[in-house]
């Protein structure tokens, strides 16, 4: 049976160095869901559950068709209404969009079917899930190893890189969670940190 693994097919997307670098991200299709507030709270956990539930239901649909795929890494976009960096405001002021890339053969109709099937499990927030094509573009990225609470130093490295290379931020703070936080010690967590940029 064919099994698509985006982490192997798109190494440029799911890999990063331990020093800042400028990369070009290609457009792709994603399951998405938005929310606001402290990511340690129950709303965040419930919406994470919703996106995983639908992703695994999509996977089941295609596995039954002989076209299986590995559910990709979970991701998040982070911002504030004030425009300040998330590290500069309390967590209850954070806004976020949780996303998970889907293989190119998955369509919006497949995702709607998965939402309908997953609805039998009575998972909250399923009706808020969207299927979106995110545009990609330029970004500055770095690989962070350690707890999420320790990201500040690497975020500052990205901001300094942006300043030194005459770039400017043009979008949101983006994180790709390469490790399963429920099974990995905090000091071993690996996260790609990205900031969308453009040339001045």
N, C-alpha and C. Protein backbone atom coordinates (compact mmCIF):
# COMPACT_ATOMS: atom_id res chain seq x y z
N UNK A 1 0.84 -1.20 0.00
CA UNK A 1 0.00 0.00 0.00
C UNK A 1 0.88 1.25 0.00
N UNK A 2 0.52 2.21 -0.84
CA UNK A 2 1.24 3.48 -0.88
C UNK A 2 1.03 4.23 0.43
N UNK A 3 2.10 4.85 0.96
CA UNK A 3 1.98 5.65 2.18
C UNK A 3 2.80 6.91 2.03
N UNK A 4 2.13 8.04 1.94
CA UNK A 4 2.79 9.33 1.77
C UNK A 4 3.31 9.82 3.12
N UNK A 5 4.54 10.31 3.13
CA UNK A 5 5.13 10.88 4.34
C UNK A 5 5.69 12.26 3.97
N UNK A 6 4.97 13.31 4.32
CA UNK A 6 5.37 14.66 3.93
C UNK A 6 6.71 15.07 4.54
N UNK A 7 7.03 14.53 5.71
CA UNK A 7 8.30 14.89 6.35
C UNK A 7 9.49 14.42 5.53
N UNK A 8 9.30 13.37 4.71
CA UNK A 8 10.36 12.88 3.83
C UNK A 8 10.29 13.54 2.46
N UNK A 9 9.08 13.79 1.99
CA UNK A 9 8.91 14.38 0.67
C UNK A 9 9.21 15.89 0.66
N UNK A 10 9.04 16.53 1.81
CA UNK A 10 9.24 17.98 1.92
C UNK A 10 10.24 18.30 3.03
N UNK A 11 11.44 17.76 2.88
CA UNK A 11 12.45 17.96 3.92
C UNK A 11 12.76 19.43 4.13
N UNK A 12 12.65 20.22 3.06
CA UNK A 12 12.92 21.66 3.19
C UNK A 12 11.91 22.33 4.12
N UNK A 13 10.72 21.76 4.24
CA UNK A 13 9.66 22.36 5.08
C UNK A 13 9.79 21.91 6.53
N UNK A 14 10.17 20.66 6.73
CA UNK A 14 10.20 20.09 8.08
C UNK A 14 11.61 19.98 8.66
N UNK A 15 12.55 20.71 8.09
CA UNK A 15 13.92 20.73 8.60
C UNK A 15 14.36 22.17 8.83
N UNK A 16 15.23 22.38 9.82
CA UNK A 16 15.78 23.71 10.07
C UNK A 16 17.14 23.56 10.75
N UNK A 17 17.98 24.57 10.58
CA UNK A 17 19.29 24.60 11.22
C UNK A 17 19.18 25.23 12.60
N UNK A 18 20.24 25.10 13.37
CA UNK A 18 20.27 25.69 14.71
C UNK A 18 20.74 27.14 14.68
N UNK A 19 20.93 27.67 13.49
CA UNK A 19 21.24 29.09 13.31
C UNK A 19 20.21 29.67 12.35
N UNK A 20 19.90 30.96 12.43
CA UNK A 20 18.88 31.55 11.57
C UNK A 20 19.22 31.42 10.09
N UNK A 21 18.21 31.21 9.26
CA UNK A 21 18.38 31.13 7.82
C UNK A 21 17.12 31.63 7.14
N UNK A 22 17.31 32.14 5.91
CA UNK A 22 16.19 32.60 5.10
C UNK A 22 15.74 31.47 4.19
N UNK A 23 14.44 31.17 4.18
CA UNK A 23 13.93 30.07 3.37
C UNK A 23 12.70 30.55 2.59
N UNK A 24 12.39 29.80 1.53
CA UNK A 24 11.17 30.05 0.76
C UNK A 24 10.22 28.89 0.97
N UNK A 25 9.02 29.21 1.41
CA UNK A 25 8.02 28.19 1.71
C UNK A 25 7.00 28.14 0.58
N UNK A 26 6.72 26.95 0.08
CA UNK A 26 5.77 26.78 -1.02
C UNK A 26 4.34 26.79 -0.49
N UNK A 27 3.38 27.20 -1.32
CA UNK A 27 1.97 27.11 -0.92
C UNK A 27 1.57 25.65 -0.69
N UNK A 28 0.62 25.44 0.20
CA UNK A 28 0.15 24.08 0.49
C UNK A 28 -1.23 24.16 1.14
N UNK A 29 -1.90 23.00 1.20
CA UNK A 29 -3.24 22.91 1.77
C UNK A 29 -3.16 22.42 3.22
N UNK A 30 -4.00 23.02 4.07
CA UNK A 30 -3.95 22.73 5.50
C UNK A 30 -5.35 22.62 6.09
N UNK A 31 -5.47 21.74 7.08
CA UNK A 31 -6.58 21.82 8.03
C UNK A 31 -6.24 22.93 9.00
N UNK A 32 -7.20 23.81 9.34
CA UNK A 32 -6.92 24.92 10.25
C UNK A 32 -8.07 25.12 11.23
N UNK A 33 -7.71 25.70 12.38
CA UNK A 33 -8.72 26.10 13.35
C UNK A 33 -8.12 27.23 14.19
N UNK A 34 -8.90 28.25 14.50
CA UNK A 34 -8.39 29.42 15.21
C UNK A 34 -8.91 29.48 16.64
N UNK A 35 -8.20 30.24 17.46
CA UNK A 35 -8.62 30.45 18.85
C UNK A 35 -7.82 31.57 19.47
N UNK A 36 -8.05 31.80 20.75
CA UNK A 36 -7.35 32.86 21.47
C UNK A 36 -7.21 32.45 22.92
N UNK A 37 -6.16 33.00 23.56
CA UNK A 37 -5.95 32.75 24.98
C UNK A 37 -4.74 31.89 25.26
N UNK A 38 -4.55 31.60 26.52
CA UNK A 38 -3.41 30.83 27.02
C UNK A 38 -3.41 29.43 26.41
N UNK A 39 -2.30 29.03 25.73
CA UNK A 39 -2.26 27.68 25.16
C UNK A 39 -2.22 26.56 26.20
N UNK A 40 -2.06 26.93 27.46
CA UNK A 40 -2.11 25.92 28.52
C UNK A 40 -3.54 25.68 29.02
N UNK A 41 -4.50 26.38 28.42
CA UNK A 41 -5.87 26.28 28.88
C UNK A 41 -6.68 25.21 28.15
N UNK A 42 -7.91 24.97 28.61
CA UNK A 42 -8.74 23.89 28.06
C UNK A 42 -9.20 24.15 26.62
N UNK A 43 -9.38 25.42 26.22
CA UNK A 43 -9.83 25.70 24.86
C UNK A 43 -8.78 25.26 23.85
N UNK A 44 -7.53 25.57 24.12
CA UNK A 44 -6.45 25.18 23.22
C UNK A 44 -6.40 23.66 23.10
N UNK A 45 -6.46 22.97 24.22
CA UNK A 45 -6.41 21.50 24.21
C UNK A 45 -7.57 20.91 23.42
N UNK A 46 -8.75 21.51 23.56
CA UNK A 46 -9.93 21.00 22.86
C UNK A 46 -9.78 21.18 21.35
N UNK A 47 -9.20 22.30 20.93
CA UNK A 47 -9.06 22.55 19.49
C UNK A 47 -7.93 21.72 18.89
N UNK A 48 -6.90 21.44 19.68
CA UNK A 48 -5.87 20.50 19.23
C UNK A 48 -6.50 19.13 19.00
N UNK A 49 -7.35 18.71 19.93
CA UNK A 49 -8.03 17.42 19.79
C UNK A 49 -8.89 17.39 18.53
N UNK A 50 -9.58 18.50 18.25
CA UNK A 50 -10.45 18.55 17.07
C UNK A 50 -9.66 18.38 15.78
N UNK A 51 -8.53 19.08 15.66
CA UNK A 51 -7.78 19.02 14.41
C UNK A 51 -7.14 17.64 14.23
N UNK A 52 -6.68 17.03 15.33
CA UNK A 52 -6.12 15.68 15.23
C UNK A 52 -7.20 14.67 14.88
N UNK A 53 -8.37 14.82 15.47
CA UNK A 53 -9.47 13.89 15.21
C UNK A 53 -9.82 13.88 13.72
N UNK A 54 -9.93 15.06 13.12
CA UNK A 54 -10.27 15.14 11.71
C UNK A 54 -9.11 14.64 10.84
N UNK A 55 -7.89 15.00 11.19
CA UNK A 55 -6.73 14.55 10.41
C UNK A 55 -6.66 13.02 10.36
N UNK A 56 -6.88 12.38 11.49
CA UNK A 56 -6.82 10.91 11.52
C UNK A 56 -8.03 10.29 10.83
N UNK A 57 -9.15 11.01 10.80
CA UNK A 57 -10.31 10.51 10.06
C UNK A 57 -10.06 10.60 8.55
N UNK A 58 -9.44 11.69 8.10
CA UNK A 58 -9.04 11.81 6.69
C UNK A 58 -8.08 10.67 6.33
N UNK A 59 -7.12 10.43 7.20
CA UNK A 59 -6.17 9.34 6.97
C UNK A 59 -6.89 8.00 6.82
N UNK A 60 -7.89 7.75 7.68
CA UNK A 60 -8.63 6.49 7.62
C UNK A 60 -9.37 6.36 6.29
N UNK A 61 -9.97 7.46 5.82
CA UNK A 61 -10.68 7.45 4.53
C UNK A 61 -9.76 7.01 3.41
N UNK A 62 -8.54 7.58 3.38
CA UNK A 62 -7.63 7.26 2.29
C UNK A 62 -6.96 5.90 2.47
N UNK A 63 -6.75 5.49 3.72
CA UNK A 63 -6.17 4.16 3.94
C UNK A 63 -7.10 3.08 3.40
N UNK A 64 -8.40 3.28 3.58
CA UNK A 64 -9.37 2.32 3.05
C UNK A 64 -9.37 2.28 1.53
N UNK A 65 -8.86 3.35 0.91
CA UNK A 65 -8.76 3.42 -0.55
C UNK A 65 -7.38 2.96 -1.04
N UNK A 66 -6.52 2.52 -0.12
CA UNK A 66 -5.19 2.08 -0.48
C UNK A 66 -4.21 3.21 -0.72
N UNK A 67 -4.48 4.38 -0.15
CA UNK A 67 -3.63 5.56 -0.36
C UNK A 67 -3.35 6.22 0.99
N UNK A 68 -2.69 5.50 1.84
CA UNK A 68 -2.45 5.93 3.22
C UNK A 68 -1.42 7.06 3.28
N UNK A 69 -1.45 7.81 4.38
CA UNK A 69 -0.41 8.82 4.61
C UNK A 69 -0.14 8.97 6.11
N UNK A 70 1.05 9.40 6.42
CA UNK A 70 1.42 9.67 7.81
C UNK A 70 0.90 11.05 8.19
N UNK A 71 0.19 11.13 9.31
CA UNK A 71 -0.31 12.43 9.76
C UNK A 71 0.88 13.32 10.08
N UNK A 72 0.97 14.49 9.43
CA UNK A 72 2.16 15.34 9.58
C UNK A 72 2.25 16.02 10.94
N UNK A 73 3.35 16.71 11.14
CA UNK A 73 3.57 17.46 12.38
C UNK A 73 2.51 18.55 12.53
N UNK A 74 2.13 18.77 13.75
CA UNK A 74 1.18 19.81 14.14
C UNK A 74 1.91 21.16 14.14
N UNK A 75 1.21 22.22 13.75
CA UNK A 75 1.83 23.55 13.64
C UNK A 75 0.93 24.61 14.25
N UNK A 76 1.51 25.78 14.52
CA UNK A 76 0.71 26.89 15.02
C UNK A 76 1.24 28.22 14.53
N UNK A 77 0.32 29.13 14.22
CA UNK A 77 0.64 30.52 13.94
C UNK A 77 0.18 31.35 15.13
N UNK A 78 1.01 32.32 15.53
CA UNK A 78 0.76 33.07 16.76
C UNK A 78 0.87 34.56 16.49
N UNK A 79 -0.06 35.34 17.09
CA UNK A 79 -0.01 36.79 16.93
C UNK A 79 -0.80 37.46 18.05
N UNK A 80 -0.76 38.80 18.06
CA UNK A 80 -1.52 39.59 19.03
C UNK A 80 -2.30 40.65 18.28
N UNK A 81 -3.42 41.08 18.85
CA UNK A 81 -4.21 42.13 18.23
C UNK A 81 -3.46 43.46 18.18
N UNK A 82 -2.54 43.65 19.14
CA UNK A 82 -1.79 44.91 19.20
C UNK A 82 -0.65 44.96 18.20
N UNK A 83 -0.30 43.80 17.61
CA UNK A 83 0.83 43.75 16.69
C UNK A 83 2.15 43.49 17.38
N UNK A 84 2.16 43.43 18.70
CA UNK A 84 3.39 43.14 19.44
C UNK A 84 3.76 41.67 19.28
N UNK A 85 5.05 41.36 19.47
CA UNK A 85 5.49 39.97 19.49
C UNK A 85 4.81 39.24 20.65
N UNK A 86 4.49 37.97 20.43
CA UNK A 86 3.80 37.22 21.49
C UNK A 86 4.62 37.13 22.77
N UNK A 87 5.94 37.19 22.65
CA UNK A 87 6.78 37.10 23.84
C UNK A 87 6.69 38.36 24.69
N UNK A 88 6.08 39.42 24.16
CA UNK A 88 6.01 40.70 24.87
C UNK A 88 4.67 40.96 25.54
N UNK A 89 3.74 40.02 25.45
CA UNK A 89 2.42 40.22 26.06
C UNK A 89 2.03 38.98 26.86
N UNK A 90 1.10 39.11 27.81
CA UNK A 90 0.63 37.94 28.56
C UNK A 90 -0.02 36.90 27.65
N UNK A 91 0.05 35.65 28.05
CA UNK A 91 -0.47 34.56 27.22
C UNK A 91 -1.97 34.67 26.97
N UNK A 92 -2.70 35.26 27.91
CA UNK A 92 -4.14 35.35 27.69
C UNK A 92 -4.51 36.35 26.60
N UNK A 93 -3.50 37.10 26.08
CA UNK A 93 -3.72 38.02 24.98
C UNK A 93 -3.29 37.42 23.64
N UNK A 94 -2.81 36.19 23.66
CA UNK A 94 -2.35 35.56 22.42
C UNK A 94 -3.53 35.13 21.56
N UNK A 95 -3.32 35.21 20.25
CA UNK A 95 -4.24 34.63 19.28
C UNK A 95 -3.48 33.58 18.49
N UNK A 96 -4.17 32.56 18.02
CA UNK A 96 -3.46 31.47 17.35
C UNK A 96 -4.33 30.79 16.30
N UNK A 97 -3.63 30.24 15.33
CA UNK A 97 -4.25 29.38 14.31
C UNK A 97 -3.47 28.07 14.30
N UNK A 98 -4.15 26.99 14.60
CA UNK A 98 -3.53 25.67 14.58
C UNK A 98 -3.72 25.08 13.20
N UNK A 99 -2.66 24.51 12.64
CA UNK A 99 -2.73 24.01 11.27
C UNK A 99 -2.03 22.66 11.16
N UNK A 100 -2.43 21.89 10.15
CA UNK A 100 -1.78 20.63 9.84
C UNK A 100 -1.85 20.42 8.33
N UNK A 101 -0.69 20.29 7.72
CA UNK A 101 -0.65 20.16 6.27
C UNK A 101 -1.27 18.83 5.83
N UNK A 102 -1.98 18.88 4.71
CA UNK A 102 -2.57 17.69 4.12
C UNK A 102 -1.86 17.37 2.80
N UNK A 103 -1.71 16.09 2.44
CA UNK A 103 -1.14 15.74 1.14
C UNK A 103 -1.94 16.36 0.01
N UNK A 104 -1.31 16.55 -1.14
CA UNK A 104 -1.95 17.27 -2.24
C UNK A 104 -3.18 16.55 -2.80
N UNK A 105 -3.31 15.25 -2.55
CA UNK A 105 -4.47 14.53 -3.07
C UNK A 105 -5.71 14.70 -2.18
N UNK A 106 -5.57 15.31 -1.00
CA UNK A 106 -6.71 15.54 -0.12
C UNK A 106 -7.43 16.81 -0.56
N UNK A 107 -8.76 16.77 -0.64
CA UNK A 107 -9.55 17.92 -1.07
C UNK A 107 -10.45 18.41 0.06
N UNK A 108 -11.05 19.56 -0.17
CA UNK A 108 -11.98 20.11 0.81
C UNK A 108 -13.17 19.17 1.04
N UNK A 109 -13.57 18.45 0.00
CA UNK A 109 -14.69 17.52 0.13
C UNK A 109 -14.32 16.35 1.04
N UNK A 110 -13.06 15.89 0.94
CA UNK A 110 -12.60 14.82 1.84
C UNK A 110 -12.62 15.29 3.29
N UNK A 111 -12.22 16.54 3.52
CA UNK A 111 -12.18 17.07 4.88
C UNK A 111 -13.59 17.27 5.43
N UNK A 112 -14.52 17.69 4.58
CA UNK A 112 -15.91 17.82 5.03
C UNK A 112 -16.49 16.46 5.39
N UNK A 113 -16.14 15.45 4.60
CA UNK A 113 -16.59 14.09 4.91
C UNK A 113 -16.01 13.64 6.25
N UNK A 114 -14.73 13.95 6.47
CA UNK A 114 -14.08 13.56 7.72
C UNK A 114 -14.71 14.26 8.92
N UNK A 115 -15.05 15.53 8.76
CA UNK A 115 -15.72 16.26 9.85
C UNK A 115 -17.05 15.59 10.18
N UNK A 116 -17.80 15.23 9.14
CA UNK A 116 -19.09 14.58 9.35
C UNK A 116 -18.93 13.24 10.05
N UNK A 117 -17.95 12.45 9.63
CA UNK A 117 -17.71 11.15 10.27
C UNK A 117 -17.22 11.32 11.70
N UNK A 118 -16.34 12.29 11.91
CA UNK A 118 -15.80 12.52 13.25
C UNK A 118 -16.87 13.04 14.20
N UNK A 119 -17.92 13.65 13.63
CA UNK A 119 -19.00 14.17 14.46
C UNK A 119 -19.67 13.10 15.29
N UNK A 120 -19.58 11.86 14.86
CA UNK A 120 -20.15 10.75 15.63
C UNK A 120 -19.43 10.54 16.96
N UNK A 121 -18.21 11.10 17.06
CA UNK A 121 -17.43 10.94 18.29
C UNK A 121 -17.71 12.06 19.29
N UNK A 122 -18.57 13.01 18.89
CA UNK A 122 -18.97 14.13 19.76
C UNK A 122 -17.77 14.95 20.22
N UNK A 123 -16.80 15.14 19.34
CA UNK A 123 -15.65 15.99 19.64
C UNK A 123 -16.05 17.45 19.46
N UNK A 124 -15.69 18.30 20.40
CA UNK A 124 -16.05 19.72 20.34
C UNK A 124 -15.28 20.44 19.24
N UNK A 125 -15.86 21.52 18.72
CA UNK A 125 -15.23 22.47 17.79
C UNK A 125 -15.02 21.94 16.37
N UNK A 126 -15.57 20.79 16.03
CA UNK A 126 -15.37 20.25 14.68
C UNK A 126 -15.91 21.19 13.61
N UNK A 127 -17.00 21.88 13.93
CA UNK A 127 -17.62 22.76 12.93
C UNK A 127 -16.77 24.01 12.65
N UNK A 128 -15.72 24.24 13.45
CA UNK A 128 -14.86 25.41 13.25
C UNK A 128 -13.68 25.10 12.33
N UNK A 129 -13.48 23.84 12.02
CA UNK A 129 -12.34 23.48 11.17
C UNK A 129 -12.52 23.97 9.74
N UNK A 130 -11.42 24.45 9.17
CA UNK A 130 -11.41 24.94 7.79
C UNK A 130 -10.37 24.17 6.99
N UNK A 131 -10.53 24.18 5.69
CA UNK A 131 -9.54 23.63 4.76
C UNK A 131 -9.04 24.81 3.94
N UNK A 132 -7.78 25.19 4.14
CA UNK A 132 -7.25 26.41 3.55
C UNK A 132 -5.97 26.14 2.77
N UNK A 133 -5.77 26.91 1.72
CA UNK A 133 -4.49 26.92 1.02
C UNK A 133 -3.71 28.12 1.53
N UNK A 134 -2.63 27.86 2.23
CA UNK A 134 -1.80 28.94 2.76
C UNK A 134 -0.74 29.29 1.72
N UNK A 135 -0.49 30.58 1.52
CA UNK A 135 0.27 31.03 0.35
C UNK A 135 1.77 30.79 0.37
N UNK A 136 2.37 30.57 1.54
CA UNK A 136 3.82 30.42 1.57
C UNK A 136 4.51 31.77 1.40
N UNK A 137 5.80 31.74 1.05
CA UNK A 137 6.57 32.95 0.88
C UNK A 137 7.89 32.88 1.62
N UNK A 138 8.52 34.02 1.82
CA UNK A 138 9.80 34.07 2.52
C UNK A 138 9.60 33.99 4.03
N UNK A 139 10.55 33.34 4.69
CA UNK A 139 10.51 33.27 6.15
C UNK A 139 11.94 33.10 6.66
N UNK A 140 12.16 33.56 7.87
CA UNK A 140 13.41 33.30 8.57
C UNK A 140 13.12 32.26 9.63
N UNK A 141 13.96 31.23 9.74
CA UNK A 141 13.67 30.13 10.65
C UNK A 141 14.89 29.69 11.43
N UNK A 142 14.62 28.95 12.52
CA UNK A 142 15.67 28.37 13.34
C UNK A 142 15.08 27.15 14.06
N UNK A 143 15.92 26.16 14.37
CA UNK A 143 15.48 25.00 15.13
C UNK A 143 15.71 25.26 16.61
N UNK A 144 14.65 25.16 17.38
CA UNK A 144 14.73 25.31 18.84
C UNK A 144 14.64 23.94 19.49
N UNK A 145 15.57 23.64 20.39
CA UNK A 145 15.52 22.42 21.17
C UNK A 145 15.35 22.79 22.63
N UNK A 146 14.30 22.25 23.25
CA UNK A 146 14.03 22.57 24.65
C UNK A 146 12.58 22.92 24.86
N UNK A 147 12.21 23.32 26.08
CA UNK A 147 10.81 23.64 26.38
C UNK A 147 10.33 24.87 25.61
N UNK A 148 9.03 24.92 25.39
CA UNK A 148 8.45 26.06 24.67
C UNK A 148 8.71 27.37 25.41
N UNK A 149 8.77 27.29 26.74
CA UNK A 149 9.00 28.49 27.54
C UNK A 149 10.40 29.08 27.33
N UNK A 150 11.29 28.31 26.71
CA UNK A 150 12.66 28.77 26.49
C UNK A 150 12.93 29.28 25.09
N UNK A 151 11.86 29.56 24.32
CA UNK A 151 12.03 29.97 22.92
C UNK A 151 12.53 31.40 22.74
N UNK A 152 12.41 32.23 23.76
CA UNK A 152 12.67 33.66 23.61
C UNK A 152 14.03 33.96 23.01
N UNK A 153 15.08 33.28 23.47
CA UNK A 153 16.43 33.57 22.98
C UNK A 153 16.53 33.32 21.48
N UNK A 154 15.92 32.25 20.99
CA UNK A 154 15.97 31.95 19.56
C UNK A 154 15.09 32.90 18.75
N UNK A 155 13.97 33.32 19.33
CA UNK A 155 13.15 34.32 18.64
C UNK A 155 13.93 35.62 18.49
N UNK A 156 14.67 35.99 19.51
CA UNK A 156 15.49 37.20 19.43
C UNK A 156 16.57 37.06 18.36
N UNK A 157 17.11 35.84 18.18
CA UNK A 157 18.09 35.61 17.11
C UNK A 157 17.45 35.83 15.74
N UNK A 158 16.22 35.38 15.59
CA UNK A 158 15.52 35.58 14.31
C UNK A 158 15.30 37.07 14.05
N UNK A 159 14.87 37.79 15.08
CA UNK A 159 14.62 39.22 14.91
C UNK A 159 15.90 39.98 14.59
N UNK A 160 17.01 39.57 15.18
CA UNK A 160 18.29 40.21 14.88
C UNK A 160 18.74 39.89 13.46
N UNK A 161 18.51 38.67 13.02
CA UNK A 161 18.83 38.28 11.64
C UNK A 161 18.03 39.13 10.67
N UNK A 162 16.76 39.31 10.96
CA UNK A 162 15.90 40.13 10.11
C UNK A 162 16.45 41.55 10.01
N UNK A 163 16.86 42.10 11.14
CA UNK A 163 17.39 43.47 11.15
C UNK A 163 18.70 43.56 10.36
N UNK A 164 19.60 42.61 10.59
CA UNK A 164 20.92 42.66 9.95
C UNK A 164 20.84 42.47 8.44
N UNK A 165 19.86 41.73 7.98
CA UNK A 165 19.76 41.42 6.55
C UNK A 165 18.74 42.31 5.82
N UNK A 166 18.38 43.41 6.47
CA UNK A 166 17.52 44.42 5.85
C UNK A 166 16.20 43.83 5.35
N UNK A 167 15.62 42.98 6.21
CA UNK A 167 14.30 42.42 5.96
C UNK A 167 13.30 43.07 6.91
N UNK A 168 12.03 42.79 6.72
CA UNK A 168 11.03 43.23 7.67
C UNK A 168 9.97 42.15 7.80
N UNK A 169 9.40 42.05 8.99
CA UNK A 169 8.37 41.04 9.21
C UNK A 169 7.14 41.38 8.37
N UNK A 170 6.53 40.35 7.81
CA UNK A 170 5.38 40.57 6.93
C UNK A 170 4.21 39.69 7.29
N UNK A 171 4.36 38.88 8.32
CA UNK A 171 3.30 37.95 8.67
C UNK A 171 3.43 37.51 10.10
N UNK A 172 3.06 36.28 10.36
CA UNK A 172 2.91 35.79 11.72
C UNK A 172 4.10 34.95 12.19
N UNK A 173 4.21 34.83 13.50
CA UNK A 173 5.15 33.91 14.11
C UNK A 173 4.60 32.49 13.92
N UNK A 174 5.42 31.59 13.41
CA UNK A 174 4.99 30.26 12.99
C UNK A 174 5.85 29.22 13.68
N UNK A 175 5.24 28.19 14.22
CA UNK A 175 5.97 27.11 14.88
C UNK A 175 5.52 25.76 14.34
N UNK A 176 6.50 24.88 14.12
CA UNK A 176 6.22 23.50 13.71
C UNK A 176 6.73 22.58 14.81
N UNK A 177 5.84 21.79 15.37
CA UNK A 177 6.18 20.96 16.53
C UNK A 177 6.60 19.57 16.07
N UNK A 178 7.91 19.37 15.98
CA UNK A 178 8.45 18.12 15.46
C UNK A 178 8.36 16.99 16.47
N UNK A 179 8.21 17.33 17.75
CA UNK A 179 8.16 16.33 18.81
C UNK A 179 6.75 16.22 19.38
N UNK A 180 6.42 15.05 19.89
CA UNK A 180 5.17 14.84 20.60
C UNK A 180 5.37 15.27 22.05
N UNK A 181 4.72 16.37 22.44
CA UNK A 181 4.94 16.94 23.78
C UNK A 181 4.49 16.00 24.89
N UNK A 182 3.59 15.07 24.57
CA UNK A 182 3.10 14.14 25.59
C UNK A 182 4.07 12.98 25.83
N UNK A 183 5.01 12.79 24.88
CA UNK A 183 5.93 11.65 24.99
C UNK A 183 7.39 12.05 25.06
N UNK A 184 7.66 13.35 25.03
CA UNK A 184 9.04 13.83 24.97
C UNK A 184 9.35 14.71 26.17
N UNK A 185 10.51 14.49 26.77
CA UNK A 185 10.94 15.35 27.88
C UNK A 185 11.09 16.78 27.37
N UNK A 186 10.71 17.78 28.18
CA UNK A 186 10.75 19.18 27.73
C UNK A 186 12.10 19.60 27.16
N UNK A 187 13.19 19.15 27.75
CA UNK A 187 14.50 19.57 27.28
C UNK A 187 14.87 18.96 25.92
N UNK A 188 14.10 17.99 25.46
CA UNK A 188 14.39 17.33 24.18
C UNK A 188 13.40 17.71 23.07
N UNK A 189 12.44 18.55 23.39
CA UNK A 189 11.45 18.96 22.39
C UNK A 189 12.14 19.71 21.25
N UNK A 190 11.73 19.42 20.02
CA UNK A 190 12.29 20.11 18.85
C UNK A 190 11.17 20.86 18.14
N UNK A 191 11.40 22.16 17.92
CA UNK A 191 10.40 23.03 17.32
C UNK A 191 11.06 23.93 16.30
N UNK A 192 10.50 24.00 15.10
CA UNK A 192 10.97 24.97 14.11
C UNK A 192 10.24 26.28 14.37
N UNK A 193 11.01 27.34 14.55
CA UNK A 193 10.45 28.68 14.74
C UNK A 193 10.63 29.46 13.44
N UNK A 194 9.56 30.05 12.94
CA UNK A 194 9.61 30.81 11.69
C UNK A 194 8.93 32.16 11.86
N UNK A 195 9.46 33.16 11.18
CA UNK A 195 8.80 34.46 11.10
C UNK A 195 8.73 34.84 9.62
N UNK A 196 7.53 35.11 9.14
CA UNK A 196 7.34 35.50 7.74
C UNK A 196 7.94 36.89 7.52
N UNK A 197 8.67 37.05 6.41
CA UNK A 197 9.38 38.30 6.15
C UNK A 197 9.24 38.69 4.67
N UNK A 198 9.67 39.91 4.38
CA UNK A 198 9.80 40.39 3.00
C UNK A 198 11.00 41.30 2.95
N UNK A 199 11.50 41.50 1.73
CA UNK A 199 12.65 42.39 1.54
C UNK A 199 12.17 43.83 1.54
N UNK A 200 12.96 44.70 2.14
CA UNK A 200 12.61 46.12 2.18
C UNK A 200 12.80 46.76 0.81
